[in-house]
Amino acid sequence: MTETTLAAMRVDYGADGFDVDQLAPTWHEQLTRWLAEAEQAGVAEPNAMVLATADPEGRPSSRTVLCKGLDERGVVFYTNFTSAKSRDLRQSHEAAATFPWYPLHRQVHVRGVVQQASYAEADAYWATRPRGSQLGAWASAQSVVVGGREVLDTALADVERRFADTEAVPRPPHWGGWRIVPDEVEFWQGRTNRMHDRLRFVGDRDTRTWKVVRLAP
């Protein structure tokens, strides 16, 4: 692939307009609405979001996680608390995430402080996970360098034997949820000629009141 080929890659977004009077009353109601529309449109894993964090030196990292909780308090995802992302979050207490619904020419950007979800929430979600995913959470020391695939396979086999006679696999103490408590949530709708619609809910951290602003594309 050449630079010329990359430069020629272009899609003109011809979606209908998106204006303030079309927004739900709150950011989480609007996000819920767009999530449902993405699911109805057949978007694969519509709850997937790209999570961005930064380490103590300010070096950014991003990865895709799954949103597993959404309400007026924020968006929740689950992970290993010893992972690189969790280490970043404990240091900075800030994160950003993007829901990228490419087939719909839509994105939602969430940015704010992070809080650990309660153990009760983690337990409730843990109980819904497939057994294989539960065992994998026990087996993987997430983000740790390993010598090869066989190390992971051996770790999983050991965990399978450990819980072979256990009907309900317990939640590991090192696994749980993080909630992004947003102070900005932007709804982005692609438009023709790159004149996209960008509507942003902006919150005040002290009063928890919100206003909506339109941004130039």
N, C-alpha and C. Protein backbone atom coordinates (compact mmCIF):
# COMPACT_ATOMS: atom_id res chain seq x y z
N MET A 1 0.85 -1.20 0.00
CA MET A 1 0.00 0.00 0.00
C MET A 1 0.88 1.24 0.00
N THR A 2 0.60 2.16 -0.87
CA THR A 2 1.39 3.37 -1.00
C THR A 2 0.73 4.54 -0.29
N GLU A 3 1.49 5.62 -0.10
CA GLU A 3 0.92 6.82 0.51
C GLU A 3 -0.18 7.39 -0.37
N THR A 4 -0.03 7.24 -1.69
CA THR A 4 -1.07 7.74 -2.60
C THR A 4 -2.37 6.98 -2.38
N THR A 5 -2.25 5.65 -2.18
CA THR A 5 -3.45 4.84 -1.93
C THR A 5 -4.13 5.29 -0.65
N LEU A 6 -3.35 5.50 0.40
CA LEU A 6 -3.93 5.95 1.66
C LEU A 6 -4.59 7.31 1.52
N ALA A 7 -3.95 8.20 0.78
CA ALA A 7 -4.50 9.54 0.61
C ALA A 7 -5.83 9.51 -0.13
N ALA A 8 -6.02 8.50 -0.98
CA ALA A 8 -7.24 8.41 -1.78
C ALA A 8 -8.39 7.73 -1.04
N MET A 9 -8.11 7.12 0.12
CA MET A 9 -9.17 6.45 0.88
C MET A 9 -10.07 7.50 1.52
N ARG A 10 -11.33 7.48 1.10
CA ARG A 10 -12.22 8.54 1.57
C ARG A 10 -13.66 8.07 1.44
N VAL A 11 -14.46 8.36 2.44
CA VAL A 11 -15.89 8.11 2.41
C VAL A 11 -16.61 9.41 2.70
N ASP A 12 -17.58 9.74 1.88
CA ASP A 12 -18.35 10.96 2.14
C ASP A 12 -19.55 10.59 3.00
N TYR A 13 -19.65 11.20 4.17
CA TYR A 13 -20.72 10.89 5.09
C TYR A 13 -21.96 11.69 4.73
N GLY A 14 -23.00 10.98 4.33
CA GLY A 14 -24.21 11.67 3.86
C GLY A 14 -25.38 11.56 4.80
N ALA A 15 -25.11 11.41 6.09
CA ALA A 15 -26.18 11.22 7.06
C ALA A 15 -27.02 12.49 7.22
N ASP A 16 -28.22 12.30 7.78
CA ASP A 16 -29.07 13.45 8.08
C ASP A 16 -28.43 14.29 9.18
N GLY A 17 -28.89 15.52 9.29
CA GLY A 17 -28.35 16.42 10.30
C GLY A 17 -28.70 15.98 11.71
N PHE A 18 -27.94 16.49 12.67
CA PHE A 18 -28.13 16.17 14.07
C PHE A 18 -27.99 17.46 14.85
N ASP A 19 -29.07 17.90 15.49
CA ASP A 19 -29.05 19.20 16.17
C ASP A 19 -29.52 19.06 17.61
N VAL A 20 -29.40 20.15 18.34
CA VAL A 20 -29.66 20.14 19.78
C VAL A 20 -31.07 19.66 20.10
N ASP A 21 -32.04 20.03 19.27
CA ASP A 21 -33.42 19.64 19.57
C ASP A 21 -33.67 18.14 19.38
N GLN A 22 -32.69 17.42 18.85
CA GLN A 22 -32.81 15.98 18.70
C GLN A 22 -32.17 15.21 19.84
N LEU A 23 -31.49 15.91 20.72
CA LEU A 23 -30.82 15.27 21.85
C LEU A 23 -31.81 14.84 22.91
N ALA A 24 -31.51 13.73 23.58
CA ALA A 24 -32.25 13.34 24.78
C ALA A 24 -31.95 14.35 25.88
N PRO A 25 -32.74 14.38 26.95
CA PRO A 25 -32.52 15.37 28.01
C PRO A 25 -31.16 15.24 28.70
N THR A 26 -30.60 14.03 28.75
CA THR A 26 -29.33 13.83 29.45
C THR A 26 -28.36 13.07 28.56
N TRP A 27 -27.08 13.18 28.87
CA TRP A 27 -26.07 12.49 28.06
C TRP A 27 -26.25 10.98 28.10
N HIS A 28 -26.60 10.42 29.28
CA HIS A 28 -26.68 8.96 29.37
C HIS A 28 -27.91 8.42 28.65
N GLU A 29 -28.98 9.21 28.61
CA GLU A 29 -30.14 8.80 27.82
C GLU A 29 -29.83 8.84 26.33
N GLN A 30 -29.07 9.85 25.90
CA GLN A 30 -28.69 9.94 24.49
C GLN A 30 -27.73 8.80 24.12
N LEU A 31 -26.78 8.50 24.99
CA LEU A 31 -25.85 7.41 24.72
C LEU A 31 -26.59 6.08 24.67
N THR A 32 -27.53 5.89 25.58
CA THR A 32 -28.35 4.67 25.56
C THR A 32 -29.12 4.56 24.24
N ARG A 33 -29.65 5.67 23.78
CA ARG A 33 -30.41 5.69 22.53
C ARG A 33 -29.51 5.30 21.35
N TRP A 34 -28.32 5.91 21.27
CA TRP A 34 -27.43 5.59 20.15
C TRP A 34 -26.88 4.17 20.24
N LEU A 35 -26.65 3.68 21.44
CA LEU A 35 -26.23 2.29 21.60
C LEU A 35 -27.30 1.34 21.05
N ALA A 36 -28.55 1.63 21.38
CA ALA A 36 -29.64 0.78 20.89
C ALA A 36 -29.74 0.84 19.37
N GLU A 37 -29.55 2.02 18.80
CA GLU A 37 -29.62 2.16 17.35
C GLU A 37 -28.46 1.44 16.68
N ALA A 38 -27.28 1.46 17.30
CA ALA A 38 -26.13 0.73 16.76
C ALA A 38 -26.39 -0.77 16.79
N GLU A 39 -26.98 -1.24 17.88
CA GLU A 39 -27.31 -2.66 17.99
C GLU A 39 -28.34 -3.05 16.94
N GLN A 40 -29.37 -2.24 16.77
CA GLN A 40 -30.42 -2.52 15.79
C GLN A 40 -29.87 -2.51 14.37
N ALA A 41 -28.85 -1.70 14.13
CA ALA A 41 -28.24 -1.62 12.80
C ALA A 41 -27.27 -2.77 12.53
N GLY A 42 -27.04 -3.62 13.53
CA GLY A 42 -26.16 -4.76 13.34
C GLY A 42 -24.69 -4.47 13.52
N VAL A 43 -24.35 -3.35 14.17
CA VAL A 43 -22.95 -3.05 14.45
C VAL A 43 -22.38 -4.11 15.39
N ALA A 44 -21.25 -4.69 15.03
CA ALA A 44 -20.64 -5.71 15.86
C ALA A 44 -20.16 -5.09 17.17
N GLU A 45 -20.50 -5.73 18.28
CA GLU A 45 -20.13 -5.26 19.62
C GLU A 45 -20.30 -3.74 19.76
N PRO A 46 -21.54 -3.27 19.71
CA PRO A 46 -21.77 -1.83 19.79
C PRO A 46 -21.33 -1.22 21.12
N ASN A 47 -21.15 -2.05 22.15
CA ASN A 47 -20.69 -1.54 23.44
C ASN A 47 -19.17 -1.48 23.55
N ALA A 48 -18.47 -1.79 22.46
CA ALA A 48 -17.00 -1.68 22.47
C ALA A 48 -16.60 -0.21 22.47
N MET A 49 -15.62 0.13 23.30
CA MET A 49 -15.14 1.51 23.33
C MET A 49 -13.62 1.50 23.46
N VAL A 50 -12.99 2.49 22.84
CA VAL A 50 -11.54 2.63 22.89
C VAL A 50 -11.21 3.46 24.13
N LEU A 51 -10.52 2.85 25.08
CA LEU A 51 -10.20 3.50 26.35
C LEU A 51 -8.79 4.07 26.29
N ALA A 52 -8.66 5.34 26.61
CA ALA A 52 -7.37 6.02 26.63
C ALA A 52 -6.98 6.37 28.06
N THR A 53 -5.73 6.05 28.42
CA THR A 53 -5.19 6.40 29.73
C THR A 53 -3.78 6.95 29.53
N ALA A 54 -3.19 7.46 30.60
CA ALA A 54 -1.83 7.96 30.54
C ALA A 54 -1.09 7.51 31.79
N ASP A 55 0.20 7.19 31.62
CA ASP A 55 1.01 6.77 32.76
C ASP A 55 1.55 8.00 33.50
N PRO A 56 2.26 7.82 34.61
CA PRO A 56 2.73 8.98 35.38
C PRO A 56 3.64 9.92 34.60
N GLU A 57 4.27 9.42 33.53
CA GLU A 57 5.12 10.28 32.70
C GLU A 57 4.32 10.97 31.60
N GLY A 58 3.02 10.72 31.55
CA GLY A 58 2.18 11.34 30.55
C GLY A 58 2.12 10.61 29.23
N ARG A 59 2.71 9.42 29.15
CA ARG A 59 2.68 8.65 27.91
C ARG A 59 1.31 7.98 27.76
N PRO A 60 0.62 8.26 26.65
CA PRO A 60 -0.74 7.73 26.49
C PRO A 60 -0.74 6.28 26.01
N SER A 61 -1.80 5.58 26.34
CA SER A 61 -2.07 4.24 25.84
C SER A 61 -3.55 4.14 25.53
N SER A 62 -3.88 3.32 24.54
CA SER A 62 -5.29 3.08 24.23
C SER A 62 -5.49 1.61 23.92
N ARG A 63 -6.70 1.15 24.19
CA ARG A 63 -7.07 -0.23 23.93
C ARG A 63 -8.60 -0.31 23.92
N THR A 64 -9.12 -1.37 23.33
CA THR A 64 -10.56 -1.53 23.28
C THR A 64 -11.05 -2.36 24.45
N VAL A 65 -12.07 -1.87 25.13
CA VAL A 65 -12.72 -2.59 26.23
C VAL A 65 -14.22 -2.59 25.95
N LEU A 66 -14.97 -3.33 26.73
CA LEU A 66 -16.42 -3.38 26.56
C LEU A 66 -17.12 -2.64 27.69
N CYS A 67 -18.00 -1.74 27.32
CA CYS A 67 -18.83 -1.07 28.32
C CYS A 67 -19.84 -2.07 28.86
N LYS A 68 -19.85 -2.25 30.18
CA LYS A 68 -20.76 -3.21 30.80
C LYS A 68 -21.69 -2.58 31.81
N GLY A 69 -21.68 -1.26 31.87
CA GLY A 69 -22.60 -0.54 32.75
C GLY A 69 -22.77 0.88 32.26
N LEU A 70 -23.99 1.38 32.28
CA LEU A 70 -24.26 2.74 31.82
C LEU A 70 -25.48 3.28 32.56
N ASP A 71 -25.28 4.38 33.28
CA ASP A 71 -26.38 5.10 33.90
C ASP A 71 -25.92 6.53 34.14
N GLU A 72 -26.69 7.29 34.92
CA GLU A 72 -26.37 8.70 35.12
C GLU A 72 -25.03 8.91 35.82
N ARG A 73 -24.50 7.86 36.46
CA ARG A 73 -23.22 7.99 37.16
C ARG A 73 -22.03 7.88 36.22
N GLY A 74 -22.18 7.19 35.09
CA GLY A 74 -21.07 7.05 34.17
C GLY A 74 -21.12 5.75 33.41
N VAL A 75 -19.99 5.41 32.75
CA VAL A 75 -19.86 4.16 32.01
C VAL A 75 -18.86 3.27 32.72
N VAL A 76 -19.15 1.97 32.77
CA VAL A 76 -18.36 1.02 33.55
C VAL A 76 -17.77 -0.06 32.64
N PHE A 77 -16.52 -0.41 32.90
CA PHE A 77 -15.89 -1.56 32.27
C PHE A 77 -15.17 -2.35 33.35
N TYR A 78 -14.85 -3.60 33.05
CA TYR A 78 -14.23 -4.49 34.03
C TYR A 78 -12.88 -4.97 33.53
N THR A 79 -11.96 -5.20 34.47
CA THR A 79 -10.61 -5.57 34.10
C THR A 79 -9.86 -6.11 35.31
N ASN A 80 -8.64 -6.51 35.08
CA ASN A 80 -7.73 -6.92 36.14
C ASN A 80 -7.15 -5.66 36.79
N PHE A 81 -7.18 -5.58 38.10
CA PHE A 81 -6.68 -4.39 38.79
C PHE A 81 -5.15 -4.28 38.76
N THR A 82 -4.47 -5.34 38.32
CA THR A 82 -3.01 -5.28 38.18
C THR A 82 -2.59 -4.95 36.75
N SER A 83 -3.54 -4.71 35.87
CA SER A 83 -3.24 -4.43 34.47
C SER A 83 -2.61 -3.05 34.30
N ALA A 84 -2.04 -2.83 33.12
CA ALA A 84 -1.44 -1.53 32.84
C ALA A 84 -2.47 -0.41 32.90
N LYS A 85 -3.66 -0.66 32.39
CA LYS A 85 -4.68 0.39 32.41
C LYS A 85 -5.09 0.74 33.84
N SER A 86 -5.19 -0.28 34.70
CA SER A 86 -5.55 0.00 36.09
C SER A 86 -4.45 0.77 36.80
N ARG A 87 -3.20 0.47 36.50
CA ARG A 87 -2.10 1.23 37.11
C ARG A 87 -2.17 2.69 36.67
N ASP A 88 -2.45 2.91 35.39
CA ASP A 88 -2.60 4.28 34.91
C ASP A 88 -3.73 5.00 35.63
N LEU A 89 -4.85 4.33 35.77
CA LEU A 89 -6.03 4.96 36.36
C LEU A 89 -5.81 5.29 37.83
N ARG A 90 -5.08 4.45 38.54
CA ARG A 90 -4.80 4.73 39.95
C ARG A 90 -3.89 5.95 40.10
N GLN A 91 -3.05 6.19 39.10
CA GLN A 91 -2.13 7.32 39.18
C GLN A 91 -2.80 8.63 38.75
N SER A 92 -3.54 8.58 37.63
CA SER A 92 -4.05 9.83 37.06
C SER A 92 -5.48 10.14 37.48
N HIS A 93 -6.27 9.11 37.76
CA HIS A 93 -7.68 9.26 38.11
C HIS A 93 -8.50 9.88 36.98
N GLU A 94 -7.99 9.83 35.76
CA GLU A 94 -8.69 10.39 34.60
C GLU A 94 -8.65 9.39 33.45
N ALA A 95 -9.66 9.44 32.58
CA ALA A 95 -9.67 8.57 31.40
C ALA A 95 -10.58 9.17 30.35
N ALA A 96 -10.43 8.68 29.12
CA ALA A 96 -11.31 9.04 28.02
C ALA A 96 -11.65 7.77 27.27
N ALA A 97 -12.82 7.76 26.64
CA ALA A 97 -13.23 6.60 25.88
C ALA A 97 -14.03 7.06 24.67
N THR A 98 -13.93 6.29 23.58
CA THR A 98 -14.66 6.57 22.36
C THR A 98 -15.42 5.34 21.91
N PHE A 99 -16.70 5.50 21.66
CA PHE A 99 -17.51 4.46 21.03
C PHE A 99 -17.46 4.73 19.52
N PRO A 100 -16.84 3.85 18.73
CA PRO A 100 -16.71 4.11 17.29
C PRO A 100 -17.69 3.26 16.47
N TRP A 101 -18.78 3.87 16.06
CA TRP A 101 -19.77 3.15 15.26
C TRP A 101 -19.60 3.54 13.80
N TYR A 102 -18.56 2.97 13.17
CA TYR A 102 -18.18 3.36 11.81
C TYR A 102 -19.29 3.19 10.78
N PRO A 103 -20.05 2.08 10.79
CA PRO A 103 -21.09 1.94 9.76
C PRO A 103 -22.16 3.03 9.83
N LEU A 104 -22.36 3.60 11.00
CA LEU A 104 -23.36 4.65 11.17
C LEU A 104 -22.76 6.06 11.04
N HIS A 105 -21.43 6.13 10.82
CA HIS A 105 -20.73 7.41 10.77
C HIS A 105 -20.96 8.21 12.05
N ARG A 106 -20.86 7.47 13.18
CA ARG A 106 -21.08 8.10 14.48
C ARG A 106 -19.95 7.74 15.43
N GLN A 107 -19.70 8.66 16.35
CA GLN A 107 -18.80 8.42 17.47
C GLN A 107 -19.38 9.10 18.70
N VAL A 108 -19.04 8.56 19.86
CA VAL A 108 -19.34 9.25 21.12
C VAL A 108 -18.05 9.27 21.93
N HIS A 109 -17.68 10.44 22.41
CA HIS A 109 -16.46 10.61 23.19
C HIS A 109 -16.83 10.94 24.64
N VAL A 110 -16.26 10.20 25.56
CA VAL A 110 -16.53 10.38 26.99
C VAL A 110 -15.21 10.69 27.69
N ARG A 111 -15.20 11.70 28.53
CA ARG A 111 -13.98 12.04 29.27
C ARG A 111 -14.35 12.47 30.67
N GLY A 112 -13.57 12.00 31.66
CA GLY A 112 -13.83 12.40 33.03
C GLY A 112 -12.95 11.69 34.03
N VAL A 113 -13.33 11.79 35.28
CA VAL A 113 -12.59 11.13 36.36
C VAL A 113 -13.04 9.66 36.44
N VAL A 114 -12.21 8.85 37.07
CA VAL A 114 -12.56 7.44 37.23
C VAL A 114 -12.69 7.09 38.71
N GLN A 115 -13.61 6.16 38.95
CA GLN A 115 -13.81 5.62 40.30
C GLN A 115 -13.93 4.11 40.18
N GLN A 116 -13.49 3.42 41.20
CA GLN A 116 -13.67 1.97 41.20
C GLN A 116 -15.13 1.65 41.46
N ALA A 117 -15.69 0.76 40.65
CA ALA A 117 -17.06 0.31 40.87
C ALA A 117 -17.12 -0.49 42.16
N SER A 118 -18.29 -0.56 42.77
CA SER A 118 -18.43 -1.27 44.03
C SER A 118 -18.22 -2.77 43.84
N TYR A 119 -17.86 -3.44 44.91
CA TYR A 119 -17.69 -4.90 44.85
C TYR A 119 -19.03 -5.58 44.56
N ALA A 120 -20.12 -4.99 45.04
CA ALA A 120 -21.44 -5.55 44.76
C ALA A 120 -21.73 -5.52 43.26
N GLU A 121 -21.38 -4.40 42.62
CA GLU A 121 -21.56 -4.31 41.16
C GLU A 121 -20.68 -5.33 40.45
N ALA A 122 -19.42 -5.45 40.90
CA ALA A 122 -18.51 -6.39 40.27
C ALA A 122 -19.00 -7.83 40.43
N ASP A 123 -19.49 -8.15 41.61
CA ASP A 123 -20.01 -9.51 41.85
C ASP A 123 -21.21 -9.81 40.95
N ALA A 124 -22.09 -8.82 40.82
CA ALA A 124 -23.28 -9.02 40.00
C ALA A 124 -22.91 -9.25 38.54
N TYR A 125 -21.96 -8.44 38.03
CA TYR A 125 -21.56 -8.64 36.64
C TYR A 125 -20.78 -9.95 36.48
N TRP A 126 -19.90 -10.25 37.43
CA TRP A 126 -19.11 -11.48 37.37
C TRP A 126 -20.01 -12.71 37.21
N ALA A 127 -21.13 -12.71 37.89
CA ALA A 127 -22.04 -13.86 37.85
C ALA A 127 -22.64 -14.07 36.47
N THR A 128 -22.63 -13.03 35.62
CA THR A 128 -23.19 -13.16 34.27
C THR A 128 -22.16 -13.63 33.25
N ARG A 129 -20.89 -13.65 33.61
CA ARG A 129 -19.84 -14.01 32.65
C ARG A 129 -19.82 -15.51 32.39
N PRO A 130 -19.50 -15.93 31.17
CA PRO A 130 -19.34 -17.35 30.89
C PRO A 130 -18.24 -17.94 31.76
N ARG A 131 -18.35 -19.20 32.08
CA ARG A 131 -17.36 -19.84 32.95
C ARG A 131 -15.95 -19.73 32.37
N GLY A 132 -15.83 -19.88 31.06
CA GLY A 132 -14.51 -19.77 30.45
C GLY A 132 -13.87 -18.42 30.67
N SER A 133 -14.68 -17.36 30.58
CA SER A 133 -14.16 -16.02 30.83
C SER A 133 -13.76 -15.84 32.28
N GLN A 134 -14.53 -16.44 33.18
CA GLN A 134 -14.19 -16.38 34.60
C GLN A 134 -12.85 -17.07 34.86
N LEU A 135 -12.67 -18.24 34.28
CA LEU A 135 -11.41 -18.97 34.48
C LEU A 135 -10.25 -18.19 33.88
N GLY A 136 -10.48 -17.56 32.72
CA GLY A 136 -9.42 -16.77 32.11
C GLY A 136 -8.98 -15.61 32.98
N ALA A 137 -9.93 -15.00 33.70
CA ALA A 137 -9.57 -13.90 34.59
C ALA A 137 -8.68 -14.36 35.73
N TRP A 138 -8.89 -15.59 36.19
CA TRP A 138 -8.02 -16.15 37.22
C TRP A 138 -6.64 -16.51 36.65
N ALA A 139 -6.61 -16.97 35.40
CA ALA A 139 -5.37 -17.51 34.84
C ALA A 139 -4.40 -16.45 34.35
N SER A 140 -4.93 -15.29 33.92
CA SER A 140 -4.08 -14.31 33.26
C SER A 140 -3.60 -13.22 34.21
N ALA A 141 -2.28 -13.09 34.33
CA ALA A 141 -1.69 -11.95 35.04
C ALA A 141 -1.57 -10.82 34.03
N GLN A 142 -2.66 -10.14 33.78
CA GLN A 142 -2.78 -9.22 32.66
C GLN A 142 -1.66 -8.19 32.59
N SER A 143 -1.10 -8.04 31.39
CA SER A 143 -0.04 -7.08 31.05
C SER A 143 1.35 -7.53 31.47
N VAL A 144 1.47 -8.70 32.13
CA VAL A 144 2.78 -9.21 32.52
C VAL A 144 3.43 -9.92 31.33
N VAL A 145 4.72 -9.72 31.12
CA VAL A 145 5.44 -10.40 30.03
C VAL A 145 5.54 -11.90 30.33
N VAL A 146 5.21 -12.72 29.33
CA VAL A 146 5.29 -14.18 29.49
C VAL A 146 6.20 -14.75 28.43
N GLY A 147 6.72 -15.94 28.71
CA GLY A 147 7.71 -16.55 27.83
C GLY A 147 7.16 -17.16 26.56
N GLY A 148 5.86 -17.40 26.49
CA GLY A 148 5.27 -17.99 25.30
C GLY A 148 3.83 -18.38 25.56
N ARG A 149 3.16 -18.80 24.49
CA ARG A 149 1.76 -19.18 24.61
C ARG A 149 1.55 -20.32 25.59
N GLU A 150 2.55 -21.21 25.66
CA GLU A 150 2.40 -22.37 26.54
C GLU A 150 2.27 -21.96 28.00
N VAL A 151 2.83 -20.81 28.38
CA VAL A 151 2.70 -20.33 29.75
C VAL A 151 1.23 -20.03 30.06
N LEU A 152 0.56 -19.39 29.10
CA LEU A 152 -0.86 -19.06 29.29
C LEU A 152 -1.72 -20.33 29.30
N ASP A 153 -1.41 -21.26 28.39
CA ASP A 153 -2.19 -22.49 28.33
C ASP A 153 -2.04 -23.31 29.61
N THR A 154 -0.82 -23.33 30.14
CA THR A 154 -0.58 -24.06 31.38
C THR A 154 -1.31 -23.41 32.55
N ALA A 155 -1.29 -22.07 32.59
CA ALA A 155 -1.97 -21.35 33.67
C ALA A 155 -3.47 -21.62 33.62
N LEU A 156 -4.05 -21.64 32.43
CA LEU A 156 -5.48 -21.90 32.31
C LEU A 156 -5.80 -23.34 32.72
N ALA A 157 -4.97 -24.27 32.33
CA ALA A 157 -5.19 -25.67 32.71
C ALA A 157 -5.13 -25.83 34.22
N ASP A 158 -4.20 -25.13 34.86
CA ASP A 158 -4.09 -25.21 36.32
C ASP A 158 -5.36 -24.67 36.99
N VAL A 159 -5.88 -23.56 36.45
CA VAL A 159 -7.09 -22.98 37.02
C VAL A 159 -8.29 -23.89 36.78
N GLU A 160 -8.35 -24.49 35.62
CA GLU A 160 -9.46 -25.42 35.34
C GLU A 160 -9.48 -26.57 36.34
N ARG A 161 -8.29 -27.09 36.66
CA ARG A 161 -8.21 -28.15 37.67
C ARG A 161 -8.58 -27.64 39.05
N ARG A 162 -8.15 -26.43 39.36
CA ARG A 162 -8.41 -25.85 40.68
C ARG A 162 -9.90 -25.73 40.95
N PHE A 163 -10.66 -25.33 39.91
CA PHE A 163 -12.09 -25.09 40.10
C PHE A 163 -12.96 -26.19 39.47
N ALA A 164 -12.35 -27.32 39.19
CA ALA A 164 -13.08 -28.40 38.52
C ALA A 164 -14.32 -28.83 39.30
N ASP A 165 -14.22 -28.83 40.60
CA ASP A 165 -15.35 -29.28 41.43
C ASP A 165 -16.15 -28.12 42.02
N THR A 166 -15.91 -26.90 41.51
CA THR A 166 -16.60 -25.71 42.01
C THR A 166 -17.64 -25.27 41.00
N GLU A 167 -18.89 -25.28 41.42
CA GLU A 167 -19.96 -24.93 40.48
C GLU A 167 -19.94 -23.45 40.12
N ALA A 168 -19.80 -22.59 41.11
CA ALA A 168 -19.77 -21.15 40.88
C ALA A 168 -18.35 -20.64 41.14
N VAL A 169 -17.66 -20.24 40.09
CA VAL A 169 -16.30 -19.73 40.23
C VAL A 169 -16.35 -18.37 40.92
N PRO A 170 -15.61 -18.17 42.00
CA PRO A 170 -15.66 -16.88 42.69
C PRO A 170 -14.92 -15.79 41.91
N ARG A 171 -15.30 -14.56 42.17
CA ARG A 171 -14.60 -13.43 41.54
C ARG A 171 -13.22 -13.28 42.15
N PRO A 172 -12.18 -13.15 41.31
CA PRO A 172 -10.84 -12.93 41.87
C PRO A 172 -10.77 -11.61 42.61
N PRO A 173 -10.02 -11.53 43.69
CA PRO A 173 -9.92 -10.26 44.42
C PRO A 173 -9.21 -9.17 43.62
N HIS A 174 -8.46 -9.58 42.59
CA HIS A 174 -7.72 -8.61 41.77
C HIS A 174 -8.50 -8.19 40.53
N TRP A 175 -9.79 -8.48 40.48
CA TRP A 175 -10.59 -8.20 39.28
C TRP A 175 -11.84 -7.41 39.68
N GLY A 176 -12.15 -6.38 38.89
CA GLY A 176 -13.33 -5.58 39.21
C GLY A 176 -13.58 -4.52 38.18
N GLY A 177 -14.36 -3.51 38.55
CA GLY A 177 -14.81 -2.52 37.58
C GLY A 177 -14.28 -1.12 37.84
N TRP A 178 -14.19 -0.37 36.75
CA TRP A 178 -13.88 1.07 36.81
C TRP A 178 -15.04 1.82 36.17
N ARG A 179 -15.40 2.94 36.76
CA ARG A 179 -16.44 3.80 36.21
C ARG A 179 -15.83 5.13 35.78
N ILE A 180 -16.04 5.49 34.52
CA ILE A 180 -15.69 6.84 34.07
C ILE A 180 -16.86 7.75 34.40
N VAL A 181 -16.63 8.71 35.26
CA VAL A 181 -17.65 9.69 35.65
C VAL A 181 -17.42 10.93 34.78
N PRO A 182 -18.21 11.10 33.74
CA PRO A 182 -17.85 12.11 32.73
C PRO A 182 -18.14 13.54 33.15
N ASP A 183 -17.30 14.42 32.64
CA ASP A 183 -17.63 15.84 32.68
C ASP A 183 -17.77 16.38 31.26
N GLU A 184 -17.47 15.53 30.25
CA GLU A 184 -17.72 15.87 28.86
C GLU A 184 -18.17 14.62 28.12
N VAL A 185 -19.24 14.74 27.36
CA VAL A 185 -19.70 13.64 26.49
C VAL A 185 -20.09 14.26 25.16
N GLU A 186 -19.35 13.89 24.11
CA GLU A 186 -19.60 14.47 22.80
C GLU A 186 -20.23 13.45 21.86
N PHE A 187 -21.28 13.88 21.17
CA PHE A 187 -21.96 13.06 20.17
C PHE A 187 -21.61 13.60 18.79
N TRP A 188 -21.00 12.72 18.00
CA TRP A 188 -20.42 13.12 16.71
C TRP A 188 -21.14 12.38 15.60
N GLN A 189 -21.72 13.14 14.66
CA GLN A 189 -22.40 12.56 13.51
C GLN A 189 -21.74 13.04 12.23
N GLY A 190 -21.27 12.10 11.42
CA GLY A 190 -20.61 12.48 10.18
C GLY A 190 -21.58 13.13 9.20
N ARG A 191 -21.09 14.16 8.51
CA ARG A 191 -21.90 14.86 7.50
C ARG A 191 -21.07 15.03 6.23
N THR A 192 -21.76 15.36 5.16
CA THR A 192 -21.09 15.53 3.88
C THR A 192 -20.11 16.70 3.93
N ASN A 193 -19.07 16.63 3.08
CA ASN A 193 -18.02 17.65 2.98
C ASN A 193 -17.27 17.86 4.29
N ARG A 194 -17.30 16.84 5.14
CA ARG A 194 -16.59 16.89 6.43
C ARG A 194 -17.12 17.98 7.37
N MET A 195 -18.34 18.43 7.12
CA MET A 195 -18.95 19.42 8.00
C MET A 195 -19.80 18.67 9.03
N HIS A 196 -19.13 17.92 9.88
CA HIS A 196 -19.79 17.03 10.82
C HIS A 196 -20.53 17.80 11.92
N ASP A 197 -21.53 17.13 12.48
CA ASP A 197 -22.23 17.66 13.65
C ASP A 197 -21.57 17.15 14.91
N ARG A 198 -21.19 18.07 15.80
CA ARG A 198 -20.57 17.73 17.08
C ARG A 198 -21.32 18.46 18.19
N LEU A 199 -22.05 17.70 18.98
CA LEU A 199 -22.80 18.26 20.11
C LEU A 199 -22.22 17.69 21.39
N ARG A 200 -21.85 18.56 22.30
CA ARG A 200 -21.16 18.13 23.51
C ARG A 200 -21.91 18.55 24.76
N PHE A 201 -22.18 17.57 25.62
CA PHE A 201 -22.64 17.85 26.98
C PHE A 201 -21.42 18.21 27.81
N VAL A 202 -21.44 19.35 28.45
CA VAL A 202 -20.33 19.80 29.30
C VAL A 202 -20.86 19.94 30.72
N GLY A 203 -20.22 19.22 31.65
CA GLY A 203 -20.69 19.22 33.03
C GLY A 203 -19.79 20.02 33.96
N ASP A 204 -20.37 20.49 35.02
CA ASP A 204 -19.62 21.16 36.09
C ASP A 204 -19.41 20.15 37.20
N ARG A 205 -18.15 19.87 37.53
CA ARG A 205 -17.84 18.82 38.51
C ARG A 205 -18.38 19.15 39.90
N ASP A 206 -18.50 20.42 40.21
CA ASP A 206 -18.96 20.79 41.55
C ASP A 206 -20.48 20.73 41.66
N THR A 207 -21.19 21.27 40.68
CA THR A 207 -22.64 21.33 40.77
C THR A 207 -23.33 20.19 40.04
N ARG A 208 -22.57 19.46 39.21
CA ARG A 208 -23.11 18.37 38.39
C ARG A 208 -24.26 18.85 37.51
N THR A 209 -24.18 20.11 37.07
CA THR A 209 -25.13 20.61 36.09
C THR A 209 -24.49 20.52 34.70
N TRP A 210 -25.33 20.52 33.67
CA TRP A 210 -24.85 20.29 32.32
C TRP A 210 -25.35 21.38 31.37
N LYS A 211 -24.55 21.66 30.36
CA LYS A 211 -24.98 22.50 29.24
C LYS A 211 -24.55 21.78 27.96
N VAL A 212 -25.16 22.18 26.87
CA VAL A 212 -24.84 21.59 25.55
C VAL A 212 -24.25 22.67 24.66
N VAL A 213 -23.12 22.36 24.02
CA VAL A 213 -22.50 23.28 23.09
C VAL A 213 -22.29 22.58 21.76
N ARG A 214 -22.27 23.35 20.69
CA ARG A 214 -21.95 22.82 19.37
C ARG A 214 -20.51 23.20 19.04
N LEU A 215 -19.75 22.24 18.51
CA LEU A 215 -18.36 22.47 18.14
C LEU A 215 -18.20 22.44 16.64
N ALA A 216 -17.28 23.27 16.14
CA ALA A 216 -16.96 23.20 14.72
C ALA A 216 -16.28 21.87 14.41
N PRO A 217 -16.50 21.34 13.22
CA PRO A 217 -15.91 20.04 12.90
C PRO A 217 -14.41 20.11 12.63
